[in-house]
């Protein structure tokens, strides 16, 4: 986990992406673009109500709980995350 975090922080463009994300607000409808908010049930970094809030703010978004997953669900259950992405793109 530490190695992955350090690699992410040291990645080219990470700082610029992080700064650009400060002002981004996903509040508009995105016609033709499915939006899924996937939330790990064991996430200890971001509380559950933030997932509910994100679903409420983004029109037509769906909220999917990822059982047993923490803040980095693609590490905890890659097959589940892939299924959620594929199901949401159809």
Protein backbone atom coordinates (compact mmCIF):
# COMPACT_ATOMS: atom_id res chain seq x y z
CA UNK A 1 0.00 0.00 0.00
CA UNK A 2 2.81 2.39 0.86
CA UNK A 3 4.66 1.60 -2.36
CA UNK A 4 1.50 2.15 -4.43
CA UNK A 5 0.76 5.46 -2.71
CA UNK A 6 4.31 6.68 -3.27
CA UNK A 7 4.18 5.60 -6.92
CA UNK A 8 0.91 7.48 -7.42
CA UNK A 9 2.22 10.62 -5.73
CA UNK A 10 5.37 10.49 -7.85
CA UNK A 11 3.55 9.84 -11.13
CA UNK A 12 3.89 12.34 -13.95
CA UNK A 13 0.94 14.68 -13.95
CA UNK A 14 -0.32 13.71 -10.48
CA UNK A 15 0.15 17.18 -9.00
CA UNK A 16 -1.53 18.91 -11.95
CA UNK A 17 -4.43 16.44 -11.88
CA UNK A 18 -4.89 16.89 -8.14
CA UNK A 19 -4.91 20.69 -8.46
CA UNK A 20 -7.36 20.58 -11.39
CA UNK A 21 -9.73 18.36 -9.44
CA UNK A 22 -10.23 20.92 -6.69
CA UNK A 23 -12.70 22.93 -8.76
CA UNK A 24 -14.46 20.07 -10.55
CA UNK A 25 -18.11 19.56 -9.61
CA UNK A 26 -20.07 16.70 -11.16
CA UNK A 27 -23.54 18.16 -10.94
CA UNK A 28 -24.72 18.25 -14.55
CA UNK A 29 -26.58 15.52 -16.34
CA UNK A 30 -24.32 13.53 -18.64
CA UNK A 31 -26.63 12.31 -21.42
CA UNK A 32 -25.58 8.96 -22.81
CA UNK A 33 -22.83 8.54 -20.22
CA UNK A 34 -23.63 6.07 -17.44
CA UNK A 35 -22.30 7.12 -14.03
CA UNK A 36 -21.72 4.62 -11.26
CA UNK A 37 -20.64 5.57 -7.77
CA UNK A 38 -19.07 2.43 -6.34
CA UNK A 39 -18.42 2.47 -2.60
CA UNK A 40 -16.50 -0.04 -0.52
CA UNK A 41 -18.47 -1.12 2.55
CA UNK A 42 -15.22 -1.24 4.53
CA UNK A 43 -13.92 2.17 3.39
CA UNK A 44 -12.42 3.81 6.48
CA UNK A 45 -11.23 6.93 4.66
CA UNK A 46 -14.48 8.20 3.17
CA UNK A 47 -17.68 7.77 5.15
CA UNK A 48 -20.73 6.04 3.68
CA UNK A 49 -22.87 9.17 3.50
CA UNK A 50 -20.46 10.65 0.95
CA UNK A 51 -21.41 7.92 -1.52
CA UNK A 52 -25.09 8.64 -0.96
CA UNK A 53 -24.42 12.36 -1.40
CA UNK A 54 -22.51 11.77 -4.65
CA UNK A 55 -25.41 9.72 -6.04
CA UNK A 56 -27.85 12.48 -5.07
CA UNK A 57 -25.77 15.22 -6.69
CA UNK A 58 -25.10 13.45 -10.00
CA UNK A 59 -28.33 13.09 -12.00
CA UNK A 60 -29.19 9.49 -12.95
CA UNK A 61 -26.13 8.05 -11.18
CA UNK A 62 -26.38 4.64 -9.57
CA UNK A 63 -24.79 3.76 -6.25
CA UNK A 64 -23.27 0.31 -5.89
CA UNK A 65 -21.98 -1.05 -2.60
CA UNK A 66 -18.84 -3.16 -2.83
CA UNK A 67 -19.06 -5.68 0.02
CA UNK A 68 -15.85 -6.31 1.88
CA UNK A 69 -13.95 -3.64 -0.04
CA UNK A 70 -12.09 -0.73 1.48
CA UNK A 71 -10.94 2.58 0.01
CA UNK A 72 -9.09 0.90 -2.87
CA UNK A 73 -11.61 -1.70 -4.03
CA UNK A 74 -9.70 -2.61 -7.18
CA UNK A 75 -7.02 -4.08 -4.92
CA UNK A 76 -9.52 -5.77 -2.60
CA UNK A 77 -11.72 -7.41 -5.23
CA UNK A 78 -10.64 -6.72 -8.82
CA UNK A 79 -13.22 -9.11 -10.31
CA UNK A 80 -16.08 -7.35 -8.51
CA UNK A 81 -14.89 -3.92 -9.63
CA UNK A 82 -14.57 -5.13 -13.23
CA UNK A 83 -18.12 -6.55 -13.09
CA UNK A 84 -19.51 -3.27 -11.75
CA UNK A 85 -17.75 -1.29 -14.49
CA UNK A 86 -18.94 -3.63 -17.22
CA UNK A 87 -22.51 -3.75 -15.88
CA UNK A 88 -22.66 0.03 -15.70
CA UNK A 89 -21.42 0.51 -19.25
CA UNK A 90 -24.23 -1.42 -20.92
